[in-house]
PDB file of N, CA and C in Angstrom:
ATOM      1  N   UNK A   1     -77.815 -21.426-262.458  1.00  0.00           N
ATOM      2  CA  UNK A   1     -76.971 -20.262-262.148  1.00  0.00           C
ATOM      3  C   UNK A   1     -76.081 -19.851-261.064  1.00  0.00           C
ATOM      4  N   UNK A   2     -75.030 -19.423-261.121  1.00  0.00           N
ATOM      5  CA  UNK A   2     -74.127 -19.706-259.691  1.00  0.00           C
ATOM      6  C   UNK A   2     -74.474 -17.944-259.380  1.00  0.00           C
ATOM      7  N   UNK A   3     -74.226 -17.176-258.365  1.00  0.00           N
ATOM      8  CA  UNK A   3     -74.158 -15.764-257.792  1.00  0.00           C
ATOM      9  C   UNK A   3     -74.005 -16.157-256.017  1.00  0.00           C
ATOM     10  N   UNK A   4     -73.574 -15.070-255.665  1.00  0.00           N
ATOM     11  CA  UNK A   4     -72.983 -15.176-254.270  1.00  0.00           C
ATOM     12  C   UNK A   4     -71.044 -14.805-254.443  1.00  0.00           C
ATOM     13  N   UNK A   5     -70.760 -14.711-253.540  1.00  0.00           N
ATOM     14  CA  UNK A   5     -68.865 -14.458-253.839  1.00  0.00           C
ATOM     15  C   UNK A   5     -68.304 -15.289-254.578  1.00  0.00           C
ATOM     16  N   UNK A   6     -67.596 -15.692-255.130  1.00  0.00           N
ATOM     17  CA  UNK A   6     -66.623 -16.262-255.695  1.00  0.00           C
ATOM     18  C   UNK A   6     -67.575 -17.193-256.835  1.00  0.00           C
ATOM     19  N   UNK A   7     -69.059 -16.453-257.358  1.00  0.00           N
ATOM     20  CA  UNK A   7     -70.042 -17.913-258.278  1.00  0.00           C
ATOM     21  C   UNK A   7     -70.489 -19.022-257.074  1.00  0.00           C
ATOM     22  N   UNK A   8     -70.020 -18.978-256.074  1.00  0.00           N
ATOM     23  CA  UNK A   8     -70.448 -20.566-255.070  1.00  0.00           C
ATOM     24  C   UNK A   8     -71.724 -19.831-255.229  1.00  0.00           C
ATOM     25  N   UNK A   9     -72.678 -20.598-254.882  1.00  0.00           N
ATOM     26  CA  UNK A   9     -73.862 -20.749-254.386  1.00  0.00           C
ATOM     27  C   UNK A   9     -73.853 -21.186-252.568  1.00  0.00           C
ATOM     28  N   UNK A  10     -74.821 -19.983-252.113  1.00  0.00           N
ATOM     29  CA  UNK A  10     -74.634 -20.535-251.281  1.00  0.00           C
ATOM     30  C   UNK A  10     -75.683 -20.479-249.828  1.00  0.00           C
ATOM     31  N   UNK A  11     -76.682 -20.325-250.985  1.00  0.00           N
ATOM     32  CA  UNK A  11     -78.259 -20.064-250.424  1.00  0.00           C
ATOM     33  C   UNK A  11     -78.904 -21.479-250.198  1.00  0.00           C
ATOM     34  N   UNK A  12     -78.555 -21.281-248.248  1.00  0.00           N
ATOM     35  CA  UNK A  12     -79.240 -23.479-248.333  1.00  0.00           C
ATOM     36  C   UNK A  12     -80.183 -22.939-249.131  1.00  0.00           C
ATOM     37  N   UNK A  13     -81.034 -24.821-249.317  1.00  0.00           N
ATOM     38  CA  UNK A  13     -81.740 -25.428-249.737  1.00  0.00           C
ATOM     39  C   UNK A  13     -82.790 -25.361-249.797  1.00  0.00           C
ATOM     40  N   UNK A  14     -83.227 -24.583-248.268  1.00  0.00           N
ATOM     41  CA  UNK A  14     -84.612 -24.068-248.079  1.00  0.00           C
ATOM     42  C   UNK A  14     -85.582 -23.574-248.173  1.00  0.00           C
ATOM     43  N   UNK A  15     -84.606 -22.540-248.846  1.00  0.00           N
ATOM     44  CA  UNK A  15     -84.859 -21.389-249.897  1.00  0.00           C
ATOM     45  C   UNK A  15     -85.525 -21.375-251.066  1.00  0.00           C
ATOM     46  N   UNK A  16     -87.728 -21.020-251.516  1.00  0.00           N
ATOM     47  CA  UNK A  16     -87.566 -21.371-253.088  1.00  0.00           C
ATOM     48  C   UNK A  16     -86.956 -20.094-253.427  1.00  0.00           C
ATOM     49  N   UNK A  17     -86.318 -20.823-254.257  1.00  0.00           N
ATOM     50  CA  UNK A  17     -85.845 -19.835-255.846  1.00  0.00           C
ATOM     51  C   UNK A  17     -87.419 -19.185-256.778  1.00  0.00           C
ATOM     52  N   UNK A  18     -87.069 -18.619-257.427  1.00  0.00           N
ATOM     53  CA  UNK A  18     -88.151 -18.245-258.868  1.00  0.00           C
ATOM     54  C   UNK A  18     -89.228 -17.483-257.652  1.00  0.00           C
ATOM     55  N   UNK A  19     -89.451 -17.475-256.527  1.00  0.00           N
ATOM     56  CA  UNK A  19     -90.815 -16.598-256.179  1.00  0.00           C
ATOM     57  C   UNK A  19     -91.229 -15.481-256.221  1.00  0.00           C
ATOM     58  N   UNK A  20     -92.330 -14.986-257.060  1.00  0.00           N
ATOM     59  CA  UNK A  20     -92.283 -13.657-257.546  1.00  0.00           C
ATOM     60  C   UNK A  20     -92.738 -12.732-256.339  1.00  0.00           C
ATOM     61  N   UNK A  21     -91.838 -11.336-256.930  1.00  0.00           N
ATOM     62  CA  UNK A  21     -91.895 -10.136-255.706  1.00  0.00           C
ATOM     63  C   UNK A  21     -93.687  -9.782-255.259  1.00  0.00           C
ATOM     64  N   UNK A  22     -94.369 -10.619-255.513  1.00  0.00           N
ATOM     65  CA  UNK A  22     -95.799  -9.998-255.748  1.00  0.00           C
ATOM     66  C   UNK A  22     -96.314 -10.828-254.090  1.00  0.00           C
ATOM     67  N   UNK A  23     -94.905 -12.017-254.326  1.00  0.00           N
ATOM     68  CA  UNK A  23     -95.501 -13.342-253.009  1.00  0.00           C
ATOM     69  C   UNK A  23     -95.062 -12.521-251.470  1.00  0.00           C
ATOM     70  N   UNK A  24     -94.427 -11.094-251.866  1.00  0.00           N
ATOM     71  CA  UNK A  24     -93.558 -10.871-250.268  1.00  0.00           C
ATOM     72  C   UNK A  24     -92.116 -11.390-250.136  1.00  0.00           C
ATOM     73  N   UNK A  25     -91.620 -10.537-249.007  1.00  0.00           N
ATOM     74  CA  UNK A  25     -90.611 -10.538-249.039  1.00  0.00           C
ATOM     75  C   UNK A  25     -90.002 -11.906-248.460  1.00  0.00           C
ATOM     76  N   UNK A  26     -91.165 -12.491-247.204  1.00  0.00           N
ATOM     77  CA  UNK A  26     -90.722 -14.285-246.598  1.00  0.00           C
ATOM     78  C   UNK A  26     -91.405 -14.947-246.882  1.00  0.00           C
ATOM     79  N   UNK A  27     -91.634 -15.184-247.847  1.00  0.00           N
ATOM     80  CA  UNK A  27     -92.236 -16.130-248.754  1.00  0.00           C
ATOM     81  C   UNK A  27     -91.311 -16.641-249.557  1.00  0.00           C
ATOM     82  N   UNK A  28     -89.912 -16.870-249.773  1.00  0.00           N
ATOM     83  CA  UNK A  28     -88.940 -18.035-250.132  1.00  0.00           C
ATOM     84  C   UNK A  28     -88.396 -18.279-249.244  1.00  0.00           C
ATOM     85  N   UNK A  29     -88.750 -17.534-247.759  1.00  0.00           N
ATOM     86  CA  UNK A  29     -87.610 -18.208-246.823  1.00  0.00           C
ATOM     87  C   UNK A  29     -88.709 -19.024-245.803  1.00  0.00           C
ATOM     88  N   UNK A  30     -90.247 -18.974-245.589  1.00  0.00           N
ATOM     89  CA  UNK A  30     -90.912 -19.521-244.743  1.00  0.00           C
ATOM     90  C   UNK A  30     -90.920 -21.270-244.554  1.00  0.00           C
ATOM     91  N   UNK A  31     -89.751 -21.862-245.232  1.00  0.00           N
ATOM     92  CA  UNK A  31     -89.544 -23.161-244.889  1.00  0.00           C
ATOM     93  C   UNK A  31     -88.363 -23.277-244.066  1.00  0.00           C
ATOM     94  N   UNK A  32     -87.399 -21.971-243.922  1.00  0.00           N
ATOM     95  CA  UNK A  32     -86.027 -22.073-242.901  1.00  0.00           C
ATOM     96  C   UNK A  32     -86.059 -22.203-242.049  1.00  0.00           C
ATOM     97  N   UNK A  33     -85.478 -23.017-241.243  1.00  0.00           N
ATOM     98  CA  UNK A  33     -85.900 -22.727-239.579  1.00  0.00           C
ATOM     99  C   UNK A  33     -84.768 -21.793-239.376  1.00  0.00           C
ATOM    100  N   UNK A  34     -83.336 -22.049-240.046  1.00  0.00           N
ATOM    101  CA  UNK A  34     -82.030 -21.495-239.679  1.00  0.00           C
ATOM    102  C   UNK A  34     -81.499 -20.799-240.654  1.00  0.00           C
ATOM    103  N   UNK A  35     -80.080 -20.216-240.983  1.00  0.00           N
ATOM    104  CA  UNK A  35     -79.972 -20.077-241.960  1.00  0.00           C
ATOM    105  C   UNK A  35     -78.161 -19.861-241.359  1.00  0.00           C
ATOM    106  N   UNK A  36     -77.601 -20.375-242.226  1.00  0.00           N
ATOM    107  CA  UNK A  36     -76.582 -20.369-242.172  1.00  0.00           C
ATOM    108  C   UNK A  36     -75.341 -20.407-243.848  1.00  0.00           C
ATOM    109  N   UNK A  37     -74.512 -19.328-243.783  1.00  0.00           N
ATOM    110  CA  UNK A  37     -74.254 -19.205-245.084  1.00  0.00           C
ATOM    111  C   UNK A  37     -73.256 -20.013-245.514  1.00  0.00           C
ATOM    112  N   UNK A  38     -73.200 -20.101-246.313  1.00  0.00           N
ATOM    113  CA  UNK A  38     -72.539 -21.474-246.797  1.00  0.00           C
ATOM    114  C   UNK A  38     -72.948 -23.033-246.224  1.00  0.00           C
ATOM    115  N   UNK A  39     -73.945 -23.009-245.412  1.00  0.00           N
ATOM    116  CA  UNK A  39     -74.390 -24.522-244.968  1.00  0.00           C
ATOM    117  C   UNK A  39     -75.516 -24.584-245.810  1.00  0.00           C
ATOM    118  N   UNK A  40     -75.933 -26.369-245.053  1.00  0.00           N
ATOM    119  CA  UNK A  40     -77.702 -26.214-245.503  1.00  0.00           C
ATOM    120  C   UNK A  40     -78.398 -26.442-244.928  1.00  0.00           C
ATOM    121  N   UNK A  41     -79.294 -25.604-245.280  1.00  0.00           N
ATOM    122  CA  UNK A  41     -80.704 -25.213-243.446  1.00  0.00           C
ATOM    123  C   UNK A  41     -81.638 -26.252-243.465  1.00  0.00           C
ATOM    124  N   UNK A  42     -81.803 -26.466-242.122  1.00  0.00           N
ATOM    125  CA  UNK A  42     -82.947 -27.199-241.520  1.00  0.00           C
ATOM    126  C   UNK A  42     -84.178 -26.759-241.862  1.00  0.00           C
ATOM    127  N   UNK A  43     -85.320 -27.070-241.987  1.00  0.00           N
ATOM    128  CA  UNK A  43     -86.459 -26.855-242.544  1.00  0.00           C
ATOM    129  C   UNK A  43     -87.577 -27.214-241.369  1.00  0.00           C
ATOM    130  N   UNK A  44     -88.843 -26.265-240.633  1.00  0.00           N
ATOM    131  CA  UNK A  44     -89.122 -26.059-240.153  1.00  0.00           C
ATOM    132  C   UNK A  44     -89.980 -27.148-239.559  1.00  0.00           C
ATOM    133  N   UNK A  45     -89.966 -27.771-237.842  1.00  0.00           N
ATOM    134  CA  UNK A  45     -90.698 -28.882-237.868  1.00  0.00           C
ATOM    135  C   UNK A  45     -89.832 -30.115-237.544  1.00  0.00           C
ATOM    136  N   UNK A  46     -89.032 -29.893-237.914  1.00  0.00           N
ATOM    137  CA  UNK A  46     -87.697 -31.144-238.034  1.00  0.00           C
ATOM    138  C   UNK A  46     -86.521 -30.911-236.983  1.00  0.00           C
ATOM    139  N   UNK A  47     -86.158 -29.939-236.264  1.00  0.00           N
ATOM    140  CA  UNK A  47     -85.234 -29.402-234.885  1.00  0.00           C
ATOM    141  C   UNK A  47     -83.793 -29.402-235.679  1.00  0.00           C
ATOM    142  N   UNK A  48     -83.827 -30.463-234.912  1.00  0.00           N
ATOM    143  CA  UNK A  48     -82.101 -30.620-236.150  1.00  0.00           C
ATOM    144  C   UNK A  48     -81.591 -31.393-236.395  1.00  0.00           C
ATOM    145  N   UNK A  49     -82.927 -32.414-236.997  1.00  0.00           N
ATOM    146  CA  UNK A  49     -82.392 -33.022-237.846  1.00  0.00           C
ATOM    147  C   UNK A  49     -82.065 -33.111-239.559  1.00  0.00           C
ATOM    148  N   UNK A  50     -82.380 -32.014-239.530  1.00  0.00           N
ATOM    149  CA  UNK A  50     -82.068 -31.486-241.082  1.00  0.00           C
ATOM    150  C   UNK A  50     -80.845 -31.225-240.633  1.00  0.00           C
ATOM    151  N   UNK A  51     -80.072 -30.935-239.872  1.00  0.00           N
ATOM    152  CA  UNK A  51     -79.064 -29.900-239.968  1.00  0.00           C
ATOM    153  C   UNK A  51     -77.715 -30.914-240.051  1.00  0.00           C
ATOM    154  N   UNK A  52     -76.540 -30.799-240.421  1.00  0.00           N
ATOM    155  CA  UNK A  52     -75.269 -30.731-240.738  1.00  0.00           C
ATOM    156  C   UNK A  52     -74.571 -30.660-239.707  1.00  0.00           C
ATOM    157  N   UNK A  53     -74.086 -31.631-239.564  1.00  0.00           N
ATOM    158  CA  UNK A  53     -72.670 -31.913-238.194  1.00  0.00           C
ATOM    159  C   UNK A  53     -71.829 -30.223-238.305  1.00  0.00           C
ATOM    160  N   UNK A  54     -72.073 -30.356-239.225  1.00  0.00           N
ATOM    161  CA  UNK A  54     -71.035 -28.570-239.145  1.00  0.00           C
ATOM    162  C   UNK A  54     -71.219 -27.474-238.369  1.00  0.00           C
ATOM    163  N   UNK A  55     -72.791 -27.765-238.192  1.00  0.00           N
ATOM    164  CA  UNK A  55     -73.761 -26.652-237.513  1.00  0.00           C
ATOM    165  C   UNK A  55     -73.569 -27.190-235.942  1.00  0.00           C
ATOM    166  N   UNK A  56     -73.448 -28.503-235.288  1.00  0.00           N
ATOM    167  CA  UNK A  56     -73.352 -28.713-233.798  1.00  0.00           C
ATOM    168  C   UNK A  56     -71.514 -28.830-233.727  1.00  0.00           C
ATOM    169  N   UNK A  57     -70.426 -28.858-234.599  1.00  0.00           N
ATOM    170  CA  UNK A  57     -69.641 -28.624-234.682  1.00  0.00           C
ATOM    171  C   UNK A  57     -69.269 -27.483-234.499  1.00  0.00           C
ATOM    172  N   UNK A  58     -69.523 -26.654-235.175  1.00  0.00           N
ATOM    173  CA  UNK A  58     -69.170 -24.919-234.814  1.00  0.00           C
ATOM    174  C   UNK A  58     -69.681 -24.301-233.993  1.00  0.00           C
ATOM    175  N   UNK A  59     -71.044 -24.782-233.163  1.00  0.00           N
ATOM    176  CA  UNK A  59     -71.467 -24.026-232.252  1.00  0.00           C
ATOM    177  C   UNK A  59     -71.169 -25.134-230.716  1.00  0.00           C
ATOM    178  N   UNK A  60     -70.274 -25.800-231.038  1.00  0.00           N
ATOM    179  CA  UNK A  60     -69.439 -26.662-229.430  1.00  0.00           C
ATOM    180  C   UNK A  60     -68.230 -26.088-229.803  1.00  0.00           C
ATOM    181  N   UNK A  61     -67.861 -25.767-231.292  1.00  0.00           N
ATOM    182  CA  UNK A  61     -66.185 -24.748-230.525  1.00  0.00           C
ATOM    183  C   UNK A  61     -66.823 -23.070-229.980  1.00  0.00           C
ATOM    184  N   UNK A  62     -67.913 -22.537-230.646  1.00  0.00           N
ATOM    185  CA  UNK A  62     -67.535 -21.306-229.833  1.00  0.00           C
ATOM    186  C   UNK A  62     -68.840 -21.292-228.108  1.00  0.00           C
ATOM    187  N   UNK A  63     -68.902 -22.793-227.635  1.00  0.00           N
ATOM    188  CA  UNK A  63     -69.461 -22.804-227.077  1.00  0.00           C
ATOM    189  C   UNK A  63     -68.276 -23.208-226.146  1.00  0.00           C
ATOM    190  N   UNK A  64     -67.021 -23.851-226.104  1.00  0.00           N
ATOM    191  CA  UNK A  64     -65.987 -24.471-225.608  1.00  0.00           C
ATOM    192  C   UNK A  64     -65.035 -22.969-225.424  1.00  0.00           C
ATOM    193  N   UNK A  65     -65.083 -21.961-226.476  1.00  0.00           N
ATOM    194  CA  UNK A  65     -64.050 -20.543-226.731  1.00  0.00           C
ATOM    195  C   UNK A  65     -64.912 -19.763-226.040  1.00  0.00           C
ATOM    196  N   UNK A  66     -66.248 -19.416-226.261  1.00  0.00           N
ATOM    197  CA  UNK A  66     -66.546 -18.505-225.223  1.00  0.00           C
ATOM    198  C   UNK A  66     -66.472 -19.250-223.653  1.00  0.00           C
ATOM    199  N   UNK A  67     -66.139 -20.108-223.007  1.00  0.00           N
ATOM    200  CA  UNK A  67     -65.931 -20.539-221.201  1.00  0.00           C
ATOM    201  C   UNK A  67     -65.015 -20.566-221.203  1.00  0.00           C
ATOM    202  N   UNK A  68     -63.237 -20.869-222.223  1.00  0.00           N
ATOM    203  CA  UNK A  68     -61.863 -20.725-222.036  1.00  0.00           C
ATOM    204  C   UNK A  68     -61.903 -19.536-222.349  1.00  0.00           C
ATOM    205  N   UNK A  69     -62.405 -18.340-222.798  1.00  0.00           N
ATOM    206  CA  UNK A  69     -61.793 -16.780-222.731  1.00  0.00           C
ATOM    207  C   UNK A  69     -62.301 -15.896-221.634  1.00  0.00           C
ATOM    208  N   UNK A  70     -63.712 -16.551-221.148  1.00  0.00           N
ATOM    209  CA  UNK A  70     -64.705 -16.259-219.766  1.00  0.00           C
ATOM    210  C   UNK A  70     -63.415 -16.333-219.095  1.00  0.00           C
ATOM    211  N   UNK A  71     -63.216 -17.342-218.759  1.00  0.00           N
ATOM    212  CA  UNK A  71     -62.560 -18.524-217.567  1.00  0.00           C
ATOM    213  C   UNK A  71     -61.141 -17.368-217.401  1.00  0.00           C
ATOM    214  N   UNK A  72     -60.432 -17.334-218.685  1.00  0.00           N
ATOM    215  CA  UNK A  72     -59.094 -16.184-218.580  1.00  0.00           C
ATOM    216  C   UNK A  72     -59.174 -15.302-218.841  1.00  0.00           C
ATOM    217  N   UNK A  73     -60.292 -14.388-218.484  1.00  0.00           N
ATOM    218  CA  UNK A  73     -60.848 -13.252-218.259  1.00  0.00           C
ATOM    219  C   UNK A  73     -60.656 -13.134-217.047  1.00  0.00           C
ATOM    220  N   UNK A  74     -61.757 -13.806-216.597  1.00  0.00           N
ATOM    221  CA  UNK A  74     -61.415 -14.037-214.935  1.00  0.00           C
ATOM    222  C   UNK A  74     -60.322 -13.599-214.643  1.00  0.00           C
ATOM    223  N   UNK A  75     -59.475 -15.294-214.314  1.00  0.00           N
ATOM    224  CA  UNK A  75     -58.011 -15.053-214.017  1.00  0.00           C
ATOM    225  C   UNK A  75     -57.267 -13.485-214.035  1.00  0.00           C
ATOM    226  N   UNK A  76     -56.833 -13.263-215.706  1.00  0.00           N
ATOM    227  CA  UNK A  76     -56.712 -12.131-215.780  1.00  0.00           C
ATOM    228  C   UNK A  76     -56.547 -10.548-214.708  1.00  0.00           C
ATOM    229  N   UNK A  77     -58.287 -10.789-214.414  1.00  0.00           N
ATOM    230  CA  UNK A  77     -58.986  -9.178-213.832  1.00  0.00           C
ATOM    231  C   UNK A  77     -58.404  -9.958-212.354  1.00  0.00           C
ATOM    232  N   UNK A  78     -58.471 -11.071-211.539  1.00  0.00           N
ATOM    233  CA  UNK A  78     -58.442 -11.656-210.547  1.00  0.00           C
ATOM    234  C   UNK A  78     -57.411 -11.153-210.007  1.00  0.00           C
ATOM    235  N   UNK A  79     -55.971 -11.786-210.757  1.00  0.00           N
ATOM    236  CA  UNK A  79     -54.142 -11.366-211.182  1.00  0.00           C
ATOM    237  C   UNK A  79     -54.020 -10.045-210.804  1.00  0.00           C
ATOM    238  N   UNK A  80     -54.610  -9.231-211.926  1.00  0.00           N
ATOM    239  CA  UNK A  80     -54.741  -7.180-211.657  1.00  0.00           C
ATOM    240  C   UNK A  80     -55.133  -6.535-210.333  1.00  0.00           C
ATOM    241  N   UNK A  81     -56.483  -7.133-209.771  1.00  0.00           N
ATOM    242  CA  UNK A  81     -57.045  -6.817-209.073  1.00  0.00           C
ATOM    243  C   UNK A  81     -56.119  -7.413-207.805  1.00  0.00           C
ATOM    244  N   UNK A  82     -55.381  -8.849-207.080  1.00  0.00           N
ATOM    245  CA  UNK A  82     -54.566  -8.541-206.660  1.00  0.00           C
ATOM    246  C   UNK A  82     -53.112  -8.031-206.912  1.00  0.00           C
ATOM    247  N   UNK A  83     -52.355  -7.665-207.751  1.00  0.00           N
ATOM    248  CA  UNK A  83     -51.061  -6.738-207.576  1.00  0.00           C
ATOM    249  C   UNK A  83     -51.814  -5.773-207.278  1.00  0.00           C
ATOM    250  N   UNK A  84     -52.662  -5.149-207.597  1.00  0.00           N
ATOM    251  CA  UNK A  84     -53.037  -3.393-207.016  1.00  0.00           C
ATOM    252  C   UNK A  84     -53.772  -3.391-206.149  1.00  0.00           C
ATOM    253  N   UNK A  85     -53.933  -4.108-205.087  1.00  0.00           N
ATOM    254  CA  UNK A  85     -54.219  -4.818-203.793  1.00  0.00           C
ATOM    255  C   UNK A  85     -52.386  -4.466-202.438  1.00  0.00           C
ATOM    256  N   UNK A  86     -51.763  -5.269-203.450  1.00  0.00           N
ATOM    257  CA  UNK A  86     -50.599  -5.843-203.194  1.00  0.00           C
ATOM    258  C   UNK A  86     -49.230  -4.451-202.977  1.00  0.00           C
ATOM    259  N   UNK A  87     -49.895  -3.560-203.797  1.00  0.00           N
ATOM    260  CA  UNK A  87     -49.253  -2.473-204.516  1.00  0.00           C
ATOM    261  C   UNK A  87     -49.904  -1.141-203.582  1.00  0.00           C
ATOM    262  N   UNK A  88     -50.977  -1.290-203.545  1.00  0.00           N
ATOM    263  CA  UNK A  88     -51.788  -0.038-202.119  1.00  0.00           C
ATOM    264  C   UNK A  88     -51.620  -0.255-200.396  1.00  0.00           C
ATOM    265  N   UNK A  89     -51.344  -1.753-200.627  1.00  0.00           N
ATOM    266  CA  UNK A  89     -50.819  -2.165-198.985  1.00  0.00           C
ATOM    267  C   UNK A  89     -49.013  -1.892-199.151  1.00  0.00           C
ATOM    268  N   UNK A  90     -48.581  -2.120-199.810  1.00  0.00           N
ATOM    269  CA  UNK A  90     -46.408  -1.732-199.888  1.00  0.00           C
ATOM    270  C   UNK A  90     -46.718  -0.114-199.819  1.00  0.00           C
ATOM    271  N   UNK A  91     -47.203   0.441-200.845  1.00  0.00           N
ATOM    272  CA  UNK A  91     -47.240   2.162-200.568  1.00  0.00           C
ATOM    273  C   UNK A  91     -47.890   2.485-199.313  1.00  0.00           C
ATOM    274  N   UNK A  92     -48.518   1.526-198.253  1.00  0.00           N
ATOM    275  CA  UNK A  92     -49.665   2.627-197.554  1.00  0.00           C
ATOM    276  C   UNK A  92     -51.423   2.711-197.634  1.00  0.00           C
ATOM    277  N   UNK A  93     -51.836   2.435-199.011  1.00  0.00           N
ATOM    278  CA  UNK A  93     -52.973   3.089-199.764  1.00  0.00           C
ATOM    279  C   UNK A  93     -53.439   2.486-199.148  1.00  0.00           C
ATOM    280  N   UNK A  94     -53.685   1.056-198.346  1.00  0.00           N
ATOM    281  CA  UNK A  94     -55.078   1.036-197.770  1.00  0.00           C
ATOM    282  C   UNK A  94     -54.655   0.607-196.090  1.00  0.00           C
ATOM    283  N   UNK A  95     -53.565   1.083-195.686  1.00  0.00           N
ATOM    284  CA  UNK A  95     -52.860   0.998-194.612  1.00  0.00           C
ATOM    285  C   UNK A  95     -53.396  -0.437-193.820  1.00  0.00           C
ATOM    286  N   UNK A  96     -52.978  -1.146-194.698  1.00  0.00           N
ATOM    287  CA  UNK A  96     -53.492  -2.221-193.642  1.00  0.00           C
ATOM    288  C   UNK A  96     -54.980  -2.891-193.222  1.00  0.00           C
ATOM    289  N   UNK A  97     -55.962  -1.964-193.648  1.00  0.00           N
ATOM    290  CA  UNK A  97     -57.305  -2.391-193.705  1.00  0.00           C
ATOM    291  C   UNK A  97     -57.000  -3.739-194.665  1.00  0.00           C
ATOM    292  N   UNK A  98     -58.452  -4.731-193.578  1.00  0.00           N
ATOM    293  CA  UNK A  98     -59.067  -5.676-194.394  1.00  0.00           C
ATOM    294  C   UNK A  98     -60.264  -5.327-195.047  1.00  0.00           C
ATOM    295  N   UNK A  99     -60.894  -6.502-196.216  1.00  0.00           N
ATOM    296  CA  UNK A  99     -62.220  -5.755-196.765  1.00  0.00           C
ATOM    297  C   UNK A  99     -63.340  -6.129-195.723  1.00  0.00           C
ATOM    298  N   UNK A 100     -64.363  -5.472-195.629  1.00  0.00           N
ATOM    299  CA  UNK A 100     -65.342  -5.582-194.245  1.00  0.00           C
ATOM    300  C   UNK A 100     -66.209  -5.997-195.277  1.00  0.00           C
ATOM    301  N   UNK A 101     -66.895  -7.142-193.977  1.00  0.00           N
ATOM    302  CA  UNK A 101     -68.223  -8.134-194.608  1.00  0.00           C
ATOM    303  C   UNK A 101     -69.146  -7.997-193.625  1.00  0.00           C
ATOM    304  N   UNK A 102     -70.532  -7.447-194.872  1.00  0.00           N
ATOM    305  CA  UNK A 102     -72.066  -7.588-194.153  1.00  0.00           C
ATOM    306  C   UNK A 102     -71.681  -5.985-194.504  1.00  0.00           C
ATOM    307  N   UNK A 103     -72.804  -5.649-193.959  1.00  0.00           N
ATOM    308  CA  UNK A 103     -73.603  -4.110-193.684  1.00  0.00           C
ATOM    309  C   UNK A 103     -73.466  -3.339-192.136  1.00  0.00           C
ATOM    310  N   UNK A 104     -72.438  -1.864-192.488  1.00  0.00           N
ATOM    311  CA  UNK A 104     -72.378  -1.805-190.826  1.00  0.00           C
ATOM    312  C   UNK A 104     -71.639  -0.658-190.765  1.00  0.00           C
TER     313      UNK A 104
END
């Protein structure tokens, strides 16, 4: 029996099929340590040994993308702040003041 989008069976192998409803909601999933649509889940107690390498590749891509976009955002904001400061200095809005250090 196929189910899911387009007839694909996207359920991980750790899900227990044909569990009666009287067993509760969580019974079919109690052997799953993780869940990834269209991927195989690992079972409890195996850490990462039952996980496909696609999990690690996807995780690494996500981490790299997050770092790249964070650095890009910081650089972008720094450029905008420097441009705003230069504009204010040129228009006399800051009147040549420098940033203060410490309290006082």
